[in-house]
């Protein structure tokens, strides 16, 4: 478990780029969908979470979105809004809730300090926070009872790790995050895991063969797809105004795949 957790820590993108998200904030402000902040009790803390509902007639599947190592940014909230646009309830928790120097969350930290704070989060606390979010969203009257998890970068690794700890999940969507390194961890997974990786991301891609082996031996579903030419963080970078052609193409193709998989949940 220690090696698995250690592999979640590395940072591959500059923090300055991650925080230059005026374009994401602008899209959120123009969204016609209902987004709101909710406080989810967990131990002595409340997990501040951004929740977005789809404009649909029937009850919907929910997606718990785990943020990057940059914390709960406008871009992550924008992802939640786009999932709601596709017909799903989306909720993204700030896993730094109550951990800030002023008692707040991500917004309490500077662009450099937030990464260190996330790296120092106790794994057990992260799991407990995510369990609380799953329980909350499952009980929403608009939810059909099906809950999936998705994560990006640090959050991608956490999505994979969370799948080893919560048997209620219906699917896990791992965006450029590492997988378990122990057979016992893979054996605990009860849902299919779908991976999304950039071709120019050797650090993470080097972990894929071992993940394939462990998941296969455990009899679990793991389907990784690599988008050639794309870098680490292509879902965010591919949406930015200055996106490279490869990152934009990977982002667009990954969204098509993701929505297609969600329809099968």
C-alpha atoms as a PDB file:
ATOM      1  CA  UNK A   1       0.000   0.000   0.000  1.00  0.00           C
ATOM      2  CA  UNK A   2       2.846   2.427   0.779  1.00  0.00           C
ATOM      3  CA  UNK A   3       4.253   2.188  -2.732  1.00  0.00           C
ATOM      4  CA  UNK A   4       0.788   2.607  -4.230  1.00  0.00           C
ATOM      5  CA  UNK A   5       0.220   5.781  -2.208  1.00  0.00           C
ATOM      6  CA  UNK A   6       3.669   7.097  -3.023  1.00  0.00           C
ATOM      7  CA  UNK A   7       2.947   6.762  -6.731  1.00  0.00           C
ATOM      8  CA  UNK A   8       0.002   9.156  -6.361  1.00  0.00           C
ATOM      9  CA  UNK A   9       2.181  12.032  -5.180  1.00  0.00           C
ATOM     10  CA  UNK A  10       4.251  13.211  -8.161  1.00  0.00           C
ATOM     11  CA  UNK A  11       3.265  16.422  -9.912  1.00  0.00           C
ATOM     12  CA  UNK A  12       3.729  16.752 -13.649  1.00  0.00           C
ATOM     13  CA  UNK A  13       2.292  20.161 -14.540  1.00  0.00           C
ATOM     14  CA  UNK A  14       3.185  23.704 -13.430  1.00  0.00           C
ATOM     15  CA  UNK A  15       0.797  25.112 -10.854  1.00  0.00           C
ATOM     16  CA  UNK A  16       0.654  28.457 -12.650  1.00  0.00           C
ATOM     17  CA  UNK A  17      -0.904  26.804 -15.713  1.00  0.00           C
ATOM     18  CA  UNK A  18      -3.438  24.965 -13.586  1.00  0.00           C
ATOM     19  CA  UNK A  19      -4.635  28.164 -11.974  1.00  0.00           C
ATOM     20  CA  UNK A  20      -4.985  30.190 -15.173  1.00  0.00           C
ATOM     21  CA  UNK A  21      -8.599  29.178 -15.582  1.00  0.00           C
ATOM     22  CA  UNK A  22     -10.587  32.315 -16.353  1.00  0.00           C
ATOM     23  CA  UNK A  23     -11.993  30.507 -19.374  1.00  0.00           C
ATOM     24  CA  UNK A  24     -13.355  27.719 -17.148  1.00  0.00           C
ATOM     25  CA  UNK A  25     -14.881  30.214 -14.724  1.00  0.00           C
ATOM     26  CA  UNK A  26     -16.514  32.062 -17.609  1.00  0.00           C
ATOM     27  CA  UNK A  27     -18.125  28.869 -18.894  1.00  0.00           C
ATOM     28  CA  UNK A  28     -19.451  28.065 -15.445  1.00  0.00           C
ATOM     29  CA  UNK A  29     -21.010  31.493 -15.109  1.00  0.00           C
ATOM     30  CA  UNK A  30     -22.836  30.999 -18.403  1.00  0.00           C
ATOM     31  CA  UNK A  31     -24.144  27.527 -17.572  1.00  0.00           C
ATOM     32  CA  UNK A  32     -27.939  27.159 -17.510  1.00  0.00           C
ATOM     33  CA  UNK A  33     -27.725  24.194 -15.134  1.00  0.00           C
ATOM     34  CA  UNK A  34     -28.343  24.272 -11.409  1.00  0.00           C
ATOM     35  CA  UNK A  35     -25.105  24.092  -9.467  1.00  0.00           C
ATOM     36  CA  UNK A  36     -24.884  24.539  -5.717  1.00  0.00           C
ATOM     37  CA  UNK A  37     -22.508  24.161  -2.795  1.00  0.00           C
ATOM     38  CA  UNK A  38     -23.392  21.549  -0.191  1.00  0.00           C
ATOM     39  CA  UNK A  39     -21.820  20.694   3.167  1.00  0.00           C
ATOM     40  CA  UNK A  40     -21.468  16.971   3.793  1.00  0.00           C
ATOM     41  CA  UNK A  41     -20.760  15.968   7.405  1.00  0.00           C
ATOM     42  CA  UNK A  42     -17.748  13.715   7.864  1.00  0.00           C
ATOM     43  CA  UNK A  43     -16.434  13.247  11.397  1.00  0.00           C
ATOM     44  CA  UNK A  44     -15.812  16.680  12.909  1.00  0.00           C
ATOM     45  CA  UNK A  45     -15.617  18.342   9.493  1.00  0.00           C
ATOM     46  CA  UNK A  46     -17.929  19.276   6.669  1.00  0.00           C
ATOM     47  CA  UNK A  47     -16.786  18.359   3.168  1.00  0.00           C
ATOM     48  CA  UNK A  48     -17.623  21.320   0.950  1.00  0.00           C
ATOM     49  CA  UNK A  49     -18.792  19.944  -2.385  1.00  0.00           C
ATOM     50  CA  UNK A  50     -19.988  21.430  -5.660  1.00  0.00           C
ATOM     51  CA  UNK A  51     -23.110  19.650  -6.904  1.00  0.00           C
ATOM     52  CA  UNK A  52     -24.687  20.000 -10.350  1.00  0.00           C
ATOM     53  CA  UNK A  53     -27.971  18.516 -11.496  1.00  0.00           C
ATOM     54  CA  UNK A  54     -28.825  17.573 -15.080  1.00  0.00           C
ATOM     55  CA  UNK A  55     -31.957  18.820 -16.789  1.00  0.00           C
ATOM     56  CA  UNK A  56     -33.569  15.415 -17.279  1.00  0.00           C
ATOM     57  CA  UNK A  57     -36.951  13.853 -16.583  1.00  0.00           C
ATOM     58  CA  UNK A  58     -35.867  10.598 -14.949  1.00  0.00           C
ATOM     59  CA  UNK A  59     -33.557   9.841 -12.044  1.00  0.00           C
ATOM     60  CA  UNK A  60     -29.898   9.927 -13.027  1.00  0.00           C
ATOM     61  CA  UNK A  61     -26.633   8.137 -12.333  1.00  0.00           C
ATOM     62  CA  UNK A  62     -24.159  10.133 -10.239  1.00  0.00           C
ATOM     63  CA  UNK A  63     -20.462  10.807 -10.810  1.00  0.00           C
ATOM     64  CA  UNK A  64     -18.152  11.719  -7.943  1.00  0.00           C
ATOM     65  CA  UNK A  65     -15.353  13.804  -9.458  1.00  0.00           C
ATOM     66  CA  UNK A  66     -12.009  13.846  -7.627  1.00  0.00           C
ATOM     67  CA  UNK A  67      -9.931  16.943  -8.282  1.00  0.00           C
ATOM     68  CA  UNK A  68      -6.315  17.179  -9.357  1.00  0.00           C
ATOM     69  CA  UNK A  69      -3.488  17.934  -6.951  1.00  0.00           C
ATOM     70  CA  UNK A  70      -4.309  21.592  -7.609  1.00  0.00           C
ATOM     71  CA  UNK A  71      -7.451  21.277  -5.488  1.00  0.00           C
ATOM     72  CA  UNK A  72     -11.035  22.157  -6.298  1.00  0.00           C
ATOM     73  CA  UNK A  73     -10.487  24.580  -9.171  1.00  0.00           C
ATOM     74  CA  UNK A  74     -12.916  26.214 -11.585  1.00  0.00           C
ATOM     75  CA  UNK A  75     -11.913  23.661 -14.189  1.00  0.00           C
ATOM     76  CA  UNK A  76     -12.953  20.725 -11.993  1.00  0.00           C
ATOM     77  CA  UNK A  77     -16.275  22.415 -11.324  1.00  0.00           C
ATOM     78  CA  UNK A  78     -16.570  22.928 -15.080  1.00  0.00           C
ATOM     79  CA  UNK A  79     -16.105  19.170 -15.594  1.00  0.00           C
ATOM     80  CA  UNK A  80     -18.954  18.550 -13.162  1.00  0.00           C
ATOM     81  CA  UNK A  81     -21.139  20.966 -15.126  1.00  0.00           C
ATOM     82  CA  UNK A  82     -20.309  19.222 -18.398  1.00  0.00           C
ATOM     83  CA  UNK A  83     -21.243  15.864 -16.876  1.00  0.00           C
ATOM     84  CA  UNK A  84     -24.583  17.355 -15.848  1.00  0.00           C
ATOM     85  CA  UNK A  85     -24.994  18.651 -19.389  1.00  0.00           C
ATOM     86  CA  UNK A  86     -24.571  15.031 -20.527  1.00  0.00           C
ATOM     87  CA  UNK A  87     -27.373  13.923 -18.198  1.00  0.00           C
ATOM     88  CA  UNK A  88     -25.615  12.931 -14.965  1.00  0.00           C
ATOM     89  CA  UNK A  89     -25.623  14.211 -11.418  1.00  0.00           C
ATOM     90  CA  UNK A  90     -22.071  15.374 -10.725  1.00  0.00           C
ATOM     91  CA  UNK A  91     -20.523  16.196  -7.379  1.00  0.00           C
ATOM     92  CA  UNK A  92     -16.946  17.224  -6.753  1.00  0.00           C
ATOM     93  CA  UNK A  93     -15.755  17.474  -3.146  1.00  0.00           C
ATOM     94  CA  UNK A  94     -13.025  19.767  -1.892  1.00  0.00           C
ATOM     95  CA  UNK A  95     -10.837  17.243  -0.099  1.00  0.00           C
ATOM     96  CA  UNK A  96      -9.026  20.111   1.619  1.00  0.00           C
ATOM     97  CA  UNK A  97     -12.232  21.185   3.350  1.00  0.00           C
ATOM     98  CA  UNK A  98     -11.456  22.444   6.837  1.00  0.00           C
ATOM     99  CA  UNK A  99      -7.721  21.937   6.298  1.00  0.00           C
ATOM    100  CA  UNK A 100      -6.838  25.504   5.334  1.00  0.00           C
ATOM    101  CA  UNK A 101      -4.972  27.949   7.576  1.00  0.00           C
ATOM    102  CA  UNK A 102      -8.215  29.870   8.029  1.00  0.00           C
ATOM    103  CA  UNK A 103     -10.342  26.751   8.419  1.00  0.00           C
ATOM    104  CA  UNK A 104     -11.422  26.708   4.798  1.00  0.00           C
ATOM    105  CA  UNK A 105     -10.439  24.563   1.856  1.00  0.00           C
ATOM    106  CA  UNK A 106      -8.624  24.974  -1.460  1.00  0.00           C
ATOM    107  CA  UNK A 107      -9.189  28.734  -1.610  1.00  0.00           C
ATOM    108  CA  UNK A 108      -7.238  29.178   1.642  1.00  0.00           C
ATOM    109  CA  UNK A 109      -4.038  27.979   0.029  1.00  0.00           C
ATOM    110  CA  UNK A 110      -1.676  29.616  -2.440  1.00  0.00           C
ATOM    111  CA  UNK A 111      -0.962  27.903  -5.749  1.00  0.00           C
ATOM    112  CA  UNK A 112       2.166  26.224  -4.373  1.00  0.00           C
ATOM    113  CA  UNK A 113       0.945  25.395  -0.875  1.00  0.00           C
ATOM    114  CA  UNK A 114      -2.176  23.604  -2.109  1.00  0.00           C
ATOM    115  CA  UNK A 115      -0.147  20.810  -3.685  1.00  0.00           C
ATOM    116  CA  UNK A 116       1.813  20.195  -0.510  1.00  0.00           C
ATOM    117  CA  UNK A 117      -1.399  20.176   1.521  1.00  0.00           C
ATOM    118  CA  UNK A 118      -3.015  17.595  -0.744  1.00  0.00           C
ATOM    119  CA  UNK A 119       0.078  15.386  -0.686  1.00  0.00           C
ATOM    120  CA  UNK A 120      -0.107  15.410   3.117  1.00  0.00           C
ATOM    121  CA  UNK A 121      -3.763  14.365   3.322  1.00  0.00           C
ATOM    122  CA  UNK A 122      -4.157  11.133   5.320  1.00  0.00           C
ATOM    123  CA  UNK A 123      -5.356   8.374   2.947  1.00  0.00           C
ATOM    124  CA  UNK A 124      -7.916   7.243   5.505  1.00  0.00           C
ATOM    125  CA  UNK A 125      -9.393  10.736   5.626  1.00  0.00           C
ATOM    126  CA  UNK A 126      -9.637  10.900   1.838  1.00  0.00           C
ATOM    127  CA  UNK A 127     -11.462   7.563   1.796  1.00  0.00           C
ATOM    128  CA  UNK A 128     -13.817   8.656   4.574  1.00  0.00           C
ATOM    129  CA  UNK A 129     -14.575  11.929   2.773  1.00  0.00           C
ATOM    130  CA  UNK A 130     -15.330  10.123  -0.474  1.00  0.00           C
ATOM    131  CA  UNK A 131     -17.488   7.540   1.300  1.00  0.00           C
ATOM    132  CA  UNK A 132     -19.500  10.364   2.848  1.00  0.00           C
ATOM    133  CA  UNK A 133     -19.971  11.973  -0.574  1.00  0.00           C
ATOM    134  CA  UNK A 134     -21.094   8.671  -2.112  1.00  0.00           C
ATOM    135  CA  UNK A 135     -23.608   8.131   0.696  1.00  0.00           C
ATOM    136  CA  UNK A 136     -24.907  11.677   0.290  1.00  0.00           C
ATOM    137  CA  UNK A 137     -25.375  11.604  -3.469  1.00  0.00           C
ATOM    138  CA  UNK A 138     -26.874   8.086  -3.426  1.00  0.00           C
ATOM    139  CA  UNK A 139     -29.701   9.311  -1.185  1.00  0.00           C
ATOM    140  CA  UNK A 140     -30.602  12.305  -3.352  1.00  0.00           C
ATOM    141  CA  UNK A 141     -34.177  11.961  -4.657  1.00  0.00           C
ATOM    142  CA  UNK A 142     -32.918  12.715  -8.186  1.00  0.00           C
ATOM    143  CA  UNK A 143     -30.339   9.885  -8.089  1.00  0.00           C
ATOM    144  CA  UNK A 144     -31.147   6.407  -9.393  1.00  0.00           C
ATOM    145  CA  UNK A 145     -28.868   4.828  -6.809  1.00  0.00           C
ATOM    146  CA  UNK A 146     -25.963   4.248  -9.179  1.00  0.00           C
ATOM    147  CA  UNK A 147     -22.739   6.053  -8.297  1.00  0.00           C
ATOM    148  CA  UNK A 148     -19.452   6.105 -10.205  1.00  0.00           C
ATOM    149  CA  UNK A 149     -16.146   7.817  -9.492  1.00  0.00           C
ATOM    150  CA  UNK A 150     -13.766   9.718 -11.744  1.00  0.00           C
ATOM    151  CA  UNK A 151     -10.509  11.501 -11.042  1.00  0.00           C
ATOM    152  CA  UNK A 152      -7.718  13.412 -12.734  1.00  0.00           C
ATOM    153  CA  UNK A 153      -3.963  13.321 -12.079  1.00  0.00           C
ATOM    154  CA  UNK A 154      -3.688  12.889  -8.268  1.00  0.00           C
ATOM    155  CA  UNK A 155      -7.437  12.390  -8.340  1.00  0.00           C
ATOM    156  CA  UNK A 156      -7.053   9.684 -10.973  1.00  0.00           C
ATOM    157  CA  UNK A 157      -4.876   7.648  -8.654  1.00  0.00           C
ATOM    158  CA  UNK A 158      -7.303   8.316  -5.823  1.00  0.00           C
ATOM    159  CA  UNK A 159     -10.219   7.152  -7.973  1.00  0.00           C
ATOM    160  CA  UNK A 160      -8.423   3.845  -8.519  1.00  0.00           C
ATOM    161  CA  UNK A 161      -7.596   3.605  -4.810  1.00  0.00           C
ATOM    162  CA  UNK A 162     -11.173   4.438  -3.847  1.00  0.00           C
ATOM    163  CA  UNK A 163     -12.397   1.583  -6.023  1.00  0.00           C
ATOM    164  CA  UNK A 164     -10.353  -0.742  -3.790  1.00  0.00           C
ATOM    165  CA  UNK A 165     -12.200   0.593  -0.749  1.00  0.00           C
ATOM    166  CA  UNK A 166     -15.837   1.094  -1.751  1.00  0.00           C
ATOM    167  CA  UNK A 167     -17.715  -1.907  -3.195  1.00  0.00           C
ATOM    168  CA  UNK A 168     -20.806   0.192  -3.981  1.00  0.00           C
ATOM    169  CA  UNK A 169     -19.229   1.922  -6.985  1.00  0.00           C
ATOM    170  CA  UNK A 170     -20.576   0.958 -10.393  1.00  0.00           C
ATOM    171  CA  UNK A 171     -17.526   2.119 -12.360  1.00  0.00           C
ATOM    172  CA  UNK A 172     -14.258   4.002 -11.935  1.00  0.00           C
ATOM    173  CA  UNK A 173     -12.834   6.352 -14.555  1.00  0.00           C
ATOM    174  CA  UNK A 174      -9.120   6.959 -14.057  1.00  0.00           C
ATOM    175  CA  UNK A 175      -7.574   9.848 -15.960  1.00  0.00           C
ATOM    176  CA  UNK A 176      -3.767   9.617 -16.033  1.00  0.00           C
ATOM    177  CA  UNK A 177      -3.553   8.184 -12.526  1.00  0.00           C
ATOM    178  CA  UNK A 178      -1.634   5.157 -11.295  1.00  0.00           C
ATOM    179  CA  UNK A 179      -3.215   1.913 -10.134  1.00  0.00           C
ATOM    180  CA  UNK A 180      -2.687  -0.451  -7.202  1.00  0.00           C
ATOM    181  CA  UNK A 181       0.625  -2.219  -6.823  1.00  0.00           C
ATOM    182  CA  UNK A 182      -0.517  -5.037  -4.558  1.00  0.00           C
ATOM    183  CA  UNK A 183      -2.638  -8.047  -5.547  1.00  0.00           C
ATOM    184  CA  UNK A 184      -4.769  -7.699  -2.426  1.00  0.00           C
ATOM    185  CA  UNK A 185      -5.748  -4.166  -3.434  1.00  0.00           C
ATOM    186  CA  UNK A 186      -6.812  -5.172  -6.930  1.00  0.00           C
ATOM    187  CA  UNK A 187      -8.767  -8.109  -5.525  1.00  0.00           C
ATOM    188  CA  UNK A 188     -10.989  -5.754  -3.518  1.00  0.00           C
ATOM    189  CA  UNK A 189     -12.236  -3.872  -6.579  1.00  0.00           C
ATOM    190  CA  UNK A 190     -15.860  -4.677  -7.394  1.00  0.00           C
ATOM    191  CA  UNK A 191     -16.444  -2.470 -10.445  1.00  0.00           C
ATOM    192  CA  UNK A 192     -14.947  -2.067 -13.916  1.00  0.00           C
ATOM    193  CA  UNK A 193     -12.096   0.430 -14.179  1.00  0.00           C
ATOM    194  CA  UNK A 194     -11.517   2.459 -17.324  1.00  0.00           C
ATOM    195  CA  UNK A 195      -8.212   4.242 -17.865  1.00  0.00           C
ATOM    196  CA  UNK A 196      -7.472   7.342 -19.945  1.00  0.00           C
ATOM    197  CA  UNK A 197      -3.798   8.110 -20.575  1.00  0.00           C
ATOM    198  CA  UNK A 198      -1.681  10.505 -22.602  1.00  0.00           C
ATOM    199  CA  UNK A 199       0.909   9.016 -24.920  1.00  0.00           C
ATOM    200  CA  UNK A 200       3.558  11.519 -23.760  1.00  0.00           C
ATOM    201  CA  UNK A 201       3.263  10.641 -20.079  1.00  0.00           C
ATOM    202  CA  UNK A 202       6.008   8.087 -19.445  1.00  0.00           C
ATOM    203  CA  UNK A 203       5.861   8.417 -15.649  1.00  0.00           C
ATOM    204  CA  UNK A 204       2.267   7.221 -15.406  1.00  0.00           C
ATOM    205  CA  UNK A 205       2.323   4.962 -18.452  1.00  0.00           C
ATOM    206  CA  UNK A 206       5.186   2.969 -16.959  1.00  0.00           C
ATOM    207  CA  UNK A 207       2.751   1.754 -14.282  1.00  0.00           C
ATOM    208  CA  UNK A 208       0.128   0.456 -16.718  1.00  0.00           C
ATOM    209  CA  UNK A 209       1.637  -2.984 -17.497  1.00  0.00           C
ATOM    210  CA  UNK A 210       1.759  -3.931 -13.819  1.00  0.00           C
ATOM    211  CA  UNK A 211      -1.801  -2.696 -13.317  1.00  0.00           C
ATOM    212  CA  UNK A 212      -2.965  -4.808 -16.263  1.00  0.00           C
ATOM    213  CA  UNK A 213      -1.258  -7.875 -14.770  1.00  0.00           C
ATOM    214  CA  UNK A 214      -2.702  -7.374 -11.292  1.00  0.00           C
ATOM    215  CA  UNK A 215      -6.219  -6.694 -12.529  1.00  0.00           C
ATOM    216  CA  UNK A 216      -6.135  -9.674 -14.892  1.00  0.00           C
ATOM    217  CA  UNK A 217      -4.928 -12.028 -12.154  1.00  0.00           C
ATOM    218  CA  UNK A 218      -7.680 -10.738  -9.880  1.00  0.00           C
ATOM    219  CA  UNK A 219     -10.285 -11.323 -12.577  1.00  0.00           C
ATOM    220  CA  UNK A 220     -11.213  -7.631 -12.723  1.00  0.00           C
ATOM    221  CA  UNK A 221     -12.138  -5.440 -15.672  1.00  0.00           C
ATOM    222  CA  UNK A 222      -9.513  -2.841 -16.532  1.00  0.00           C
ATOM    223  CA  UNK A 223      -9.576  -1.164 -19.922  1.00  0.00           C
ATOM    224  CA  UNK A 224      -6.824   1.413 -20.510  1.00  0.00           C
ATOM    225  CA  UNK A 225      -6.753   3.629 -23.598  1.00  0.00           C
ATOM    226  CA  UNK A 226      -3.753   5.773 -24.516  1.00  0.00           C
ATOM    227  CA  UNK A 227      -4.147   8.897 -26.635  1.00  0.00           C
ATOM    228  CA  UNK A 228      -1.018   9.334 -28.708  1.00  0.00           C
ATOM    229  CA  UNK A 229       0.679  12.710 -28.630  1.00  0.00           C
ATOM    230  CA  UNK A 230      -1.254  13.910 -25.597  1.00  0.00           C
ATOM    231  CA  UNK A 231       0.481  14.899 -22.390  1.00  0.00           C
ATOM    232  CA  UNK A 232      -0.334  14.413 -18.727  1.00  0.00           C
ATOM    233  CA  UNK A 233      -3.369  16.525 -17.844  1.00  0.00           C
ATOM    234  CA  UNK A 234      -4.748  16.547 -21.379  1.00  0.00           C
ATOM    235  CA  UNK A 235      -8.368  16.764 -20.220  1.00  0.00           C
ATOM    236  CA  UNK A 236      -7.698  20.224 -18.812  1.00  0.00           C
ATOM    237  CA  UNK A 237      -4.949  21.296 -21.190  1.00  0.00           C
ATOM    238  CA  UNK A 238      -7.008  20.131 -24.165  1.00  0.00           C
ATOM    239  CA  UNK A 239      -9.860  22.418 -23.186  1.00  0.00           C
ATOM    240  CA  UNK A 240      -7.783  25.543 -22.645  1.00  0.00           C
ATOM    241  CA  UNK A 241      -7.767  28.306 -25.292  1.00  0.00           C
ATOM    242  CA  UNK A 242      -4.107  27.589 -26.068  1.00  0.00           C
ATOM    243  CA  UNK A 243      -4.557  23.806 -26.326  1.00  0.00           C
ATOM    244  CA  UNK A 244      -2.207  21.873 -28.571  1.00  0.00           C
ATOM    245  CA  UNK A 245      -3.809  19.890 -31.377  1.00  0.00           C
ATOM    246  CA  UNK A 246      -2.866  16.573 -29.746  1.00  0.00           C
ATOM    247  CA  UNK A 247      -4.264  17.492 -26.335  1.00  0.00           C
ATOM    248  CA  UNK A 248      -7.482  18.862 -27.833  1.00  0.00           C
ATOM    249  CA  UNK A 249      -7.974  15.730 -29.919  1.00  0.00           C
ATOM    250  CA  UNK A 250      -7.339  13.484 -26.907  1.00  0.00           C
ATOM    251  CA  UNK A 251      -9.682  15.496 -24.728  1.00  0.00           C
ATOM    252  CA  UNK A 252     -12.489  15.356 -27.306  1.00  0.00           C
ATOM    253  CA  UNK A 253     -12.055  11.625 -27.914  1.00  0.00           C
ATOM    254  CA  UNK A 254     -11.862  10.887 -24.195  1.00  0.00           C
ATOM    255  CA  UNK A 255     -15.115  12.743 -23.564  1.00  0.00           C
ATOM    256  CA  UNK A 256     -16.860  10.692 -26.251  1.00  0.00           C
ATOM    257  CA  UNK A 257     -15.552   7.471 -24.724  1.00  0.00           C
ATOM    258  CA  UNK A 258     -16.407   8.554 -21.180  1.00  0.00           C
ATOM    259  CA  UNK A 259     -19.997   9.452 -22.021  1.00  0.00           C
ATOM    260  CA  UNK A 260     -20.391   6.211 -23.951  1.00  0.00           C
ATOM    261  CA  UNK A 261     -19.207   4.187 -20.952  1.00  0.00           C
ATOM    262  CA  UNK A 262     -21.472   6.104 -18.584  1.00  0.00           C
ATOM    263  CA  UNK A 263     -24.488   5.171 -20.688  1.00  0.00           C
ATOM    264  CA  UNK A 264     -23.713   1.502 -20.017  1.00  0.00           C
ATOM    265  CA  UNK A 265     -23.613   1.862 -16.216  1.00  0.00           C
END
